Every structure is written in C-alpha cells, then in structure tokens.
Amino acid sequence: MLLRVVGLLFLILITGCSKPKREADCGFVQNVYGERVSWKQNSPVLMTLHTSVPPQFEDSIRVAAETWNRALGKTMIVIAPQRIGGTVPGRDQQSIIYYMNTWEAEKASEQGRTSLYWVGDQIQEADIRINGLNYAFFGAASVSGAVSMESLVLHELGHVLGLKHNDSSPSVMATYLRLNQDRTQLQGSDQESLNCKY
C-alpha cells in the first residue's frame, strides 16, 4: 500500500513538472517552451498615448486599433482617452505608445519598435516606440517621403497582440514598410493568425 501511494505521488510530481507542449507558431512570438504568447485574461489591452505623441496622429492610432478589433470581433485594444507623461519605455506595468526624438544610431532604419513583456505564455505589458528622429510621418493626408502613421501603428499593434514578422505572404506584419505605402488592410494571413489564438 505504501509503495502504491509513493508511486502515485511520484507520478503526480512528474506530471506537475513536465514542460508545456510546443504549439504551432501560427505567426505568433513563442516563449522558450514553444508556446504562443498572448494576452489571455489580460484583455482588453489598454494602450496609453504618451504626451510625446503629436496630437495630429491620434486619429490614425485609434483607427489602427479599431482595425484589429473588427478583425477579432471584439474590443481587444483600447486607446486610453487620457495621455501620460513623465515615463520612459520599460517594464512598468503600463502599455504606452511613445514618439521618440532620440534613437540608437545603429538602429536608425527602424521606423518603430514594440517591446513585449510576458510571464509564461501570458503577455503582461507592451510598449511601442515610434522613431520620430529619423522619419517623418503623415496622418490622414499623404506627405511625400513620409511614413503612414496608421500603417506603422497597425503593424506595431500586431506585435502588441503577439504577432511576429511575416514576410512569406501578404501581411500587415511584413518587416518593411515603404515610404508613402498605405498598408492599412489586414490580409488573409493576418486573420488566420488571429483565429489560431484569439
């Protein structure tokens, strides 16, 4: 009897300590165990605009968030009505969009960058940095030699949801966005990725 109880406890311990199962990536960032990272119960995601974001881009940012929400069939990304100042990008339990007037010289080709912070396979926080030092941006009306703010933020919000770059099929998650390119419509591959996780 004692041997049976010890054997059962050993089996429970082994089962409790086993690694999570690897998942097909479906276009998502994965943790060290091969699990797709996502917001799970931490949704909707509240993104706050930093005071550094020029007011003329606020509508473009809100439209980009609504594009993802429509595709998901629910409100997954909320752009907060108030702005925040006095913070810098980093792990601080707030998800913030920054417009940066400083940028690393060796990364000057980046138009934007999203940092995700997760525990296990659950995203806890995301920060978006927009490269205002090396690029000019436009909102509703195209400006020659500038980047579409809506297109860029749509891409970065895809990262916020956990999506990685996709250069193998038409996608808003393609790595590069050309100047003056309007890439504001989700593609079939984007919707497939969402359906896989959300």
Protein backbone atom coordinates (compact mmCIF):
# COMPACT_ATOMS: atom_id res chain seq x y z
CA MET A 1 0.00 0.00 0.00
CA LEU A 2 2.80 2.41 0.94
CA LEU A 3 4.56 1.62 -2.34
CA ARG A 4 1.37 2.40 -4.27
CA VAL A 5 0.96 5.80 -2.50
CA VAL A 6 4.65 6.68 -3.09
CA GLY A 7 4.30 5.66 -6.74
CA LEU A 8 1.18 7.81 -7.16
CA LEU A 9 2.90 10.83 -5.54
CA PHE A 10 5.92 10.35 -7.83
CA LEU A 11 3.62 10.25 -10.88
CA ILE A 12 1.88 13.47 -9.74
CA LEU A 13 5.26 15.18 -9.25
CA ILE A 14 6.49 14.16 -12.69
CA THR A 15 3.24 15.29 -14.32
CA GLY A 16 3.29 18.61 -12.44
CA CYS A 17 6.87 19.36 -13.51
CA SER A 18 6.56 18.40 -17.16
CA LYS A 19 7.29 21.02 -19.80
CA PRO A 20 4.36 22.62 -21.63
CA LYS A 21 3.59 21.24 -25.08
CA ARG A 22 5.06 23.04 -28.09
CA GLU A 23 2.45 24.76 -30.25
CA ALA A 24 2.48 25.60 -33.94
CA ASP A 25 3.53 29.25 -34.02
CA CYS A 26 0.61 30.44 -36.20
CA GLY A 27 2.54 33.67 -36.75
CA PHE A 28 2.97 34.38 -33.03
CA VAL A 29 6.02 35.02 -30.88
CA GLN A 30 6.73 31.95 -28.75
CA ASN A 31 8.27 31.54 -25.31
CA VAL A 32 11.22 29.25 -24.58
CA TYR A 33 8.86 26.26 -24.39
CA GLY A 34 7.38 26.89 -27.83
CA GLU A 35 4.05 28.22 -26.53
CA ARG A 36 2.42 31.15 -28.34
CA VAL A 37 2.36 34.27 -26.16
CA SER A 38 -0.91 36.22 -25.95
CA TRP A 39 -2.88 38.39 -23.55
CA LYS A 40 -5.28 35.62 -22.43
CA GLN A 41 -7.28 37.02 -19.47
CA ASN A 42 -5.37 40.33 -19.52
CA SER A 43 -7.65 41.83 -22.17
CA PRO A 44 -8.73 44.22 -23.39
CA VAL A 45 -5.28 45.76 -23.68
CA LEU A 46 -5.24 49.38 -22.53
CA MET A 47 -2.72 51.36 -24.59
CA THR A 48 -2.00 54.89 -23.38
CA LEU A 49 -0.58 57.62 -25.58
CA HIS A 50 2.46 59.35 -24.16
CA THR A 51 2.40 63.16 -24.26
CA SER A 52 5.25 62.95 -26.81
CA VAL A 53 2.83 61.64 -29.50
CA PRO A 54 1.81 64.59 -31.72
CA PRO A 55 -1.97 65.18 -31.46
CA GLN A 56 -2.42 65.03 -35.26
CA PHE A 57 -1.61 61.29 -35.16
CA GLU A 58 -4.16 60.31 -32.52
CA ASP A 59 -6.93 59.53 -35.04
CA SER A 60 -4.60 57.32 -37.11
CA ILE A 61 -3.65 55.37 -33.97
CA ARG A 62 -7.29 54.88 -32.95
CA VAL A 63 -8.25 53.73 -36.48
CA ALA A 64 -5.40 51.17 -36.43
CA ALA A 65 -6.65 49.79 -33.09
CA GLU A 66 -10.21 49.52 -34.44
CA THR A 67 -8.97 47.58 -37.47
CA TRP A 68 -7.66 44.85 -35.16
CA ASN A 69 -10.80 44.97 -33.01
CA ARG A 70 -13.05 44.47 -36.07
CA ALA A 71 -10.95 41.53 -37.24
CA LEU A 72 -11.17 39.95 -33.79
CA GLY A 73 -14.90 40.60 -33.48
CA LYS A 74 -14.37 42.10 -30.03
CA THR A 75 -12.64 45.00 -28.34
CA MET A 76 -9.13 43.76 -27.74
CA ILE A 77 -7.20 47.05 -27.91
CA VAL A 78 -8.41 50.21 -26.19
CA ILE A 79 -6.62 53.52 -26.69
CA ALA A 80 -7.00 55.36 -23.39
CA PRO A 81 -8.78 58.73 -23.57
CA GLN A 82 -6.15 60.41 -21.37
CA ARG A 83 -2.43 60.80 -22.08
CA ILE A 84 0.52 60.13 -19.79
CA GLY A 85 3.81 61.95 -19.35
CA GLY A 86 6.90 61.57 -17.21
CA THR A 87 7.55 57.93 -18.10
CA VAL A 88 10.18 56.23 -20.24
CA PRO A 89 9.84 52.95 -22.14
CA GLY A 90 10.44 50.00 -19.85
CA ARG A 91 8.77 47.43 -17.70
CA ASP A 92 6.42 49.48 -15.52
CA GLN A 93 3.07 47.62 -15.78
CA GLN A 94 1.73 50.15 -18.28
CA SER A 95 1.36 49.73 -22.05
CA ILE A 96 2.31 53.02 -23.68
CA ILE A 97 2.86 54.42 -27.19
CA TYR A 98 5.86 56.79 -27.33
CA TYR A 99 7.03 59.17 -30.06
CA MET A 100 10.79 59.21 -29.63
CA ASN A 101 13.08 62.09 -30.62
CA THR A 102 16.13 60.01 -29.71
CA TRP A 103 17.05 56.68 -31.32
CA GLU A 104 20.03 54.34 -31.39
CA ALA A 105 22.28 55.27 -34.33
CA GLU A 106 22.87 51.62 -35.23
CA LYS A 107 19.10 51.05 -35.49
CA ALA A 108 18.21 54.22 -37.43
CA SER A 109 16.44 52.17 -40.15
CA GLU A 110 13.73 51.12 -37.63
CA GLN A 111 10.51 53.09 -38.08
CA GLY A 112 9.14 51.73 -34.83
CA ARG A 113 9.69 49.05 -32.22
CA THR A 114 7.42 47.11 -29.87
CA SER A 115 8.65 45.56 -26.64
CA LEU A 116 6.57 42.73 -25.16
CA TYR A 117 6.85 41.58 -21.58
CA TRP A 118 5.34 38.21 -20.67
CA VAL A 119 5.27 35.65 -17.89
CA GLY A 120 4.87 32.05 -19.02
CA ASP A 121 2.78 32.45 -22.17
CA GLN A 122 0.74 35.46 -20.98
CA ILE A 123 1.65 38.97 -22.10
CA GLN A 124 1.66 41.44 -19.21
CA GLU A 125 2.69 44.67 -20.94
CA ALA A 126 3.70 46.16 -24.30
CA ASP A 127 5.39 49.42 -25.24
CA ILE A 128 5.51 50.91 -28.73
CA ARG A 129 8.28 53.33 -29.68
CA ILE A 130 7.88 55.40 -32.87
CA ASN A 131 11.11 56.70 -34.43
CA GLY A 132 10.45 60.44 -34.66
CA LEU A 133 14.17 61.20 -35.00
CA ASN A 134 14.84 59.53 -38.35
CA TYR A 135 11.38 59.57 -40.00
CA ALA A 136 8.61 61.96 -40.91
CA PHE A 137 5.05 60.65 -40.60
CA PHE A 138 1.67 61.57 -42.00
CA GLY A 139 -1.87 61.07 -40.73
CA ALA A 140 -4.91 61.33 -43.00
CA ALA A 141 -3.24 63.14 -45.93
CA SER A 142 -0.19 61.56 -47.56
CA VAL A 143 3.06 63.54 -47.47
CA SER A 144 5.83 62.72 -49.94
CA GLY A 145 8.79 60.93 -48.37
CA ALA A 146 6.95 60.18 -45.12
CA VAL A 147 5.59 57.08 -43.38
CA SER A 148 1.89 56.38 -42.88
CA MET A 149 1.28 56.54 -39.13
CA GLU A 150 -1.81 54.33 -39.43
CA SER A 151 0.11 51.68 -41.37
CA LEU A 152 3.03 51.72 -38.94
CA VAL A 153 0.85 51.59 -35.81
CA LEU A 154 -1.30 48.83 -37.33
CA HIS A 155 1.89 46.78 -37.69
CA GLU A 156 3.13 47.60 -34.19
CA LEU A 157 -0.26 46.79 -32.63
CA GLY A 158 0.01 43.40 -34.34
CA HIS A 159 3.18 42.90 -32.29
CA VAL A 160 1.28 44.05 -29.20
CA LEU A 161 -1.16 41.19 -29.84
CA GLY A 162 1.80 38.79 -30.00
CA LEU A 163 2.29 38.53 -33.77
CA LYS A 164 5.78 38.31 -35.22
CA HIS A 165 7.03 39.47 -38.63
CA ASN A 166 5.59 37.71 -41.68
CA ASP A 167 7.47 38.10 -44.94
CA SER A 168 6.26 34.85 -46.52
CA SER A 169 2.76 36.03 -47.51
CA PRO A 170 0.92 39.35 -47.90
CA SER A 171 0.54 40.70 -44.36
CA VAL A 172 0.50 43.92 -42.36
CA MET A 173 3.20 42.16 -40.34
CA ALA A 174 5.72 42.33 -43.21
CA THR A 175 9.04 43.58 -41.82
CA TYR A 176 9.43 46.62 -44.05
CA LEU A 177 7.02 49.48 -44.75
CA ARG A 178 7.93 51.69 -47.70
CA LEU A 179 7.63 55.46 -47.53
CA ASN A 180 4.14 56.60 -48.54
CA GLN A 181 2.86 52.99 -48.51
CA ASP A 182 -0.70 52.56 -47.29
CA ARG A 183 -0.81 49.13 -45.64
CA THR A 184 -3.96 49.57 -43.61
CA GLN A 185 -5.99 46.47 -44.53
CA LEU A 186 -5.47 43.14 -42.78
CA GLN A 187 -4.74 40.25 -45.10
CA GLY A 188 -5.91 36.64 -45.04
CA SER A 189 -2.73 35.52 -43.28
CA ASP A 190 -3.29 38.10 -40.53
CA GLN A 191 -6.83 36.85 -39.95
CA GLU A 192 -5.64 33.22 -39.91
CA SER A 193 -3.10 34.06 -37.19
CA LEU A 194 -5.77 35.77 -35.09
CA ASN A 195 -8.15 32.84 -35.50
CA CYS A 196 -5.43 30.46 -34.35
CA LYS A 197 -5.02 32.17 -30.96
CA TYR A 198 -7.88 34.56 -30.20
